[in-house]
Amino acid sequence: MGIDLQLHNSRPQWPRRHSRRKPTVVRQSHEHGAALAQLIAELPANTSGKLWMVDPYNDTVFNEQQAAVALGEIPDLLDRCTDNSHTEAVRDLATYLNDCATTPGSYLVFVGD
């Protein structure tokens, strides 16, 4: 199980057969999926944050406002890290959240297994 990250420059459009729409993916990360999934799965549910809502089995989409709220959860997530793989996963997530939060019209997709 893992969670990959995709930063989109507009509303995500998944390829369809014979589609003429341009891809919206700006960049993606597959490196830290397992560590990120493990950390997010351990977050307490029903909090005021956003990251606990990420579904490790399905895609979860954050807009720029949701990414900005989730960015505030990074210090707590870093405190939960137990090894370097977790720390690197959170730093990667922080970069994606920050880029989404500061780019009008962008979306961050958490791609679950």
C-alpha atoms as a PDB file:
ATOM      1  CA  MET A   1       0.000   0.000   0.000  1.00  0.00           C
ATOM      2  CA  GLY A   2       1.244   3.460  -0.818  1.00  0.00           C
ATOM      3  CA  ILE A   3       0.122   6.992  -1.548  1.00  0.00           C
ATOM      4  CA  ASP A   4       1.608   8.795  -4.530  1.00  0.00           C
ATOM      5  CA  LEU A   5       1.347  12.558  -4.992  1.00  0.00           C
ATOM      6  CA  GLN A   6       0.351  14.460  -8.140  1.00  0.00           C
ATOM      7  CA  LEU A   7       0.342  18.232  -8.478  1.00  0.00           C
ATOM      8  CA  HIS A   8      -2.084  19.497 -11.124  1.00  0.00           C
ATOM      9  CA  ASN A   9      -2.145  23.004 -12.576  1.00  0.00           C
ATOM     10  CA  SER A  10      -5.952  22.912 -12.896  1.00  0.00           C
ATOM     11  CA  ARG A  11      -8.837  20.608 -12.087  1.00  0.00           C
ATOM     12  CA  PRO A  12      -7.500  17.073 -12.537  1.00  0.00           C
ATOM     13  CA  GLN A  13      -8.429  15.441 -15.821  1.00  0.00           C
ATOM     14  CA  TRP A  14      -7.731  11.785 -16.155  1.00  0.00           C
ATOM     15  CA  PRO A  15      -6.991  10.574 -19.679  1.00  0.00           C
ATOM     16  CA  ARG A  16      -9.890   9.215 -21.611  1.00  0.00           C
ATOM     17  CA  ARG A  17      -9.793   7.449 -24.869  1.00  0.00           C
ATOM     18  CA  HIS A  18      -9.799   9.922 -27.744  1.00  0.00           C
ATOM     19  CA  SER A  19      -9.733  12.859 -25.337  1.00  0.00           C
ATOM     20  CA  ARG A  20      -8.373  16.125 -26.666  1.00  0.00           C
ATOM     21  CA  ARG A  21      -7.901  17.683 -23.240  1.00  0.00           C
ATOM     22  CA  LYS A  22      -4.369  18.501 -22.224  1.00  0.00           C
ATOM     23  CA  PRO A  23      -2.845  16.662 -19.267  1.00  0.00           C
ATOM     24  CA  THR A  24      -2.942  18.700 -16.077  1.00  0.00           C
ATOM     25  CA  VAL A  25      -0.187  16.931 -14.108  1.00  0.00           C
ATOM     26  CA  VAL A  26       2.719  19.264 -13.385  1.00  0.00           C
ATOM     27  CA  ARG A  27       4.778  16.710 -11.455  1.00  0.00           C
ATOM     28  CA  GLN A  28       4.366  13.610  -9.364  1.00  0.00           C
ATOM     29  CA  SER A  29       6.106  11.680  -6.620  1.00  0.00           C
ATOM     30  CA  HIS A  30       6.199   7.909  -6.202  1.00  0.00           C
ATOM     31  CA  GLU A  31       9.261   7.649  -3.956  1.00  0.00           C
ATOM     32  CA  HIS A  32       7.733   7.798  -0.489  1.00  0.00           C
ATOM     33  CA  GLY A  33       4.325   6.217  -0.984  1.00  0.00           C
ATOM     34  CA  ALA A  34       4.555   3.443   1.613  1.00  0.00           C
ATOM     35  CA  ALA A  35       5.963   5.676   4.354  1.00  0.00           C
ATOM     36  CA  LEU A  36       3.406   8.400   3.646  1.00  0.00           C
ATOM     37  CA  ALA A  37       0.528   5.913   3.724  1.00  0.00           C
ATOM     38  CA  GLN A  38       1.728   4.545   7.049  1.00  0.00           C
ATOM     39  CA  LEU A  39       1.947   7.989   8.655  1.00  0.00           C
ATOM     40  CA  ILE A  40      -1.419   9.156   7.376  1.00  0.00           C
ATOM     41  CA  ALA A  41      -3.120   5.918   8.451  1.00  0.00           C
ATOM     42  CA  GLU A  42      -1.966   6.574  12.021  1.00  0.00           C
ATOM     43  CA  LEU A  43      -3.503  10.071  12.225  1.00  0.00           C
ATOM     44  CA  PRO A  44      -6.493  10.468  14.534  1.00  0.00           C
ATOM     45  CA  ALA A  45      -9.769  10.744  12.611  1.00  0.00           C
ATOM     46  CA  ASN A  46     -12.322  13.544  12.790  1.00  0.00           C
ATOM     47  CA  THR A  47      -9.885  16.298  13.705  1.00  0.00           C
ATOM     48  CA  SER A  48      -9.897  19.858  12.409  1.00  0.00           C
ATOM     49  CA  GLY A  49      -7.102  18.956   9.986  1.00  0.00           C
ATOM     50  CA  LYS A  50      -7.366  17.632   6.465  1.00  0.00           C
ATOM     51  CA  LEU A  51      -4.735  14.911   6.174  1.00  0.00           C
ATOM     52  CA  TRP A  52      -6.712  12.316   8.163  1.00  0.00           C
ATOM     53  CA  MET A  53      -9.252  12.368   5.302  1.00  0.00           C
ATOM     54  CA  VAL A  54      -6.752  11.032   2.764  1.00  0.00           C
ATOM     55  CA  ASP A  55      -7.927   7.576   1.673  1.00  0.00           C
ATOM     56  CA  PRO A  56      -5.000   5.176   1.154  1.00  0.00           C
ATOM     57  CA  TYR A  57      -7.122   3.017  -1.189  1.00  0.00           C
ATOM     58  CA  ASN A  58      -8.704   5.682  -3.398  1.00  0.00           C
ATOM     59  CA  ASP A  59      -7.759   9.050  -4.823  1.00  0.00           C
ATOM     60  CA  THR A  60      -8.227  12.102  -2.600  1.00  0.00           C
ATOM     61  CA  VAL A  61      -8.129  15.599  -4.113  1.00  0.00           C
ATOM     62  CA  PHE A  62      -7.197  18.812  -2.265  1.00  0.00           C
ATOM     63  CA  ASN A  63      -7.666  22.270  -3.744  1.00  0.00           C
ATOM     64  CA  GLU A  64      -5.328  25.119  -2.850  1.00  0.00           C
ATOM     65  CA  GLN A  65      -7.301  26.123   0.268  1.00  0.00           C
ATOM     66  CA  GLN A  66      -7.355  22.570   1.625  1.00  0.00           C
ATOM     67  CA  ALA A  67      -3.633  22.235   0.898  1.00  0.00           C
ATOM     68  CA  ALA A  68      -2.972  25.409   2.893  1.00  0.00           C
ATOM     69  CA  VAL A  69      -4.820  23.974   5.911  1.00  0.00           C
ATOM     70  CA  ALA A  70      -3.004  20.632   5.572  1.00  0.00           C
ATOM     71  CA  LEU A  71       0.333  22.449   5.413  1.00  0.00           C
ATOM     72  CA  GLY A  72      -0.273  23.512   9.007  1.00  0.00           C
ATOM     73  CA  GLU A  73      -0.324  19.830  10.003  1.00  0.00           C
ATOM     74  CA  ILE A  74       3.259  19.184   8.846  1.00  0.00           C
ATOM     75  CA  PRO A  75       4.975  19.958  12.197  1.00  0.00           C
ATOM     76  CA  ASP A  76       2.774  17.397  13.986  1.00  0.00           C
ATOM     77  CA  LEU A  77       3.374  14.855  11.231  1.00  0.00           C
ATOM     78  CA  LEU A  78       7.144  15.398  11.532  1.00  0.00           C
ATOM     79  CA  ASP A  79       6.873  14.714  15.279  1.00  0.00           C
ATOM     80  CA  ARG A  80       5.318  11.329  14.431  1.00  0.00           C
ATOM     81  CA  CYS A  81       8.239  10.282  12.224  1.00  0.00           C
ATOM     82  CA  THR A  82      10.182   7.296  13.524  1.00  0.00           C
ATOM     83  CA  ASP A  83      12.824   6.987  10.797  1.00  0.00           C
ATOM     84  CA  ASN A  84      14.398   8.783   7.836  1.00  0.00           C
ATOM     85  CA  SER A  85      11.928   7.347   5.321  1.00  0.00           C
ATOM     86  CA  HIS A  86       9.047   8.917   7.248  1.00  0.00           C
ATOM     87  CA  THR A  87      10.853  12.251   7.524  1.00  0.00           C
ATOM     88  CA  GLU A  88      11.617  12.322   3.798  1.00  0.00           C
ATOM     89  CA  ALA A  89       8.003  11.438   2.987  1.00  0.00           C
ATOM     90  CA  VAL A  90       6.720  14.327   5.116  1.00  0.00           C
ATOM     91  CA  ARG A  91       9.202  16.783   3.600  1.00  0.00           C
ATOM     92  CA  ASP A  92       8.117  15.707   0.115  1.00  0.00           C
ATOM     93  CA  LEU A  93       4.472  16.119   1.120  1.00  0.00           C
ATOM     94  CA  ALA A  94       5.207  19.570   2.574  1.00  0.00           C
ATOM     95  CA  THR A  95       6.737  20.675  -0.729  1.00  0.00           C
ATOM     96  CA  TYR A  96       3.710  19.499  -2.695  1.00  0.00           C
ATOM     97  CA  LEU A  97       1.263  21.072  -0.228  1.00  0.00           C
ATOM     98  CA  ASN A  98       3.140  24.376  -0.301  1.00  0.00           C
ATOM     99  CA  ASP A  99       3.275  24.431  -4.098  1.00  0.00           C
ATOM    100  CA  CYS A 100      -0.440  23.693  -4.313  1.00  0.00           C
ATOM    101  CA  ALA A 101      -1.340  26.247  -1.627  1.00  0.00           C
ATOM    102  CA  THR A 102       0.638  29.001  -3.349  1.00  0.00           C
ATOM    103  CA  THR A 103      -0.475  28.271  -6.922  1.00  0.00           C
ATOM    104  CA  PRO A 104      -3.954  29.591  -7.726  1.00  0.00           C
ATOM    105  CA  GLY A 105      -6.191  27.018  -9.401  1.00  0.00           C
ATOM    106  CA  SER A 106      -3.959  24.055  -8.587  1.00  0.00           C
ATOM    107  CA  TYR A 107      -4.917  20.715  -7.063  1.00  0.00           C
ATOM    108  CA  LEU A 108      -3.003  18.049  -5.164  1.00  0.00           C
ATOM    109  CA  VAL A 109      -4.081  14.460  -5.747  1.00  0.00           C
ATOM    110  CA  PHE A 110      -3.214  11.723  -3.275  1.00  0.00           C
ATOM    111  CA  VAL A 111      -3.261   8.597  -5.416  1.00  0.00           C
ATOM    112  CA  GLY A 112      -4.127   5.590  -3.262  1.00  0.00           C
ATOM    113  CA  ASP A 113      -3.459   1.959  -4.104  1.00  0.00           C
END
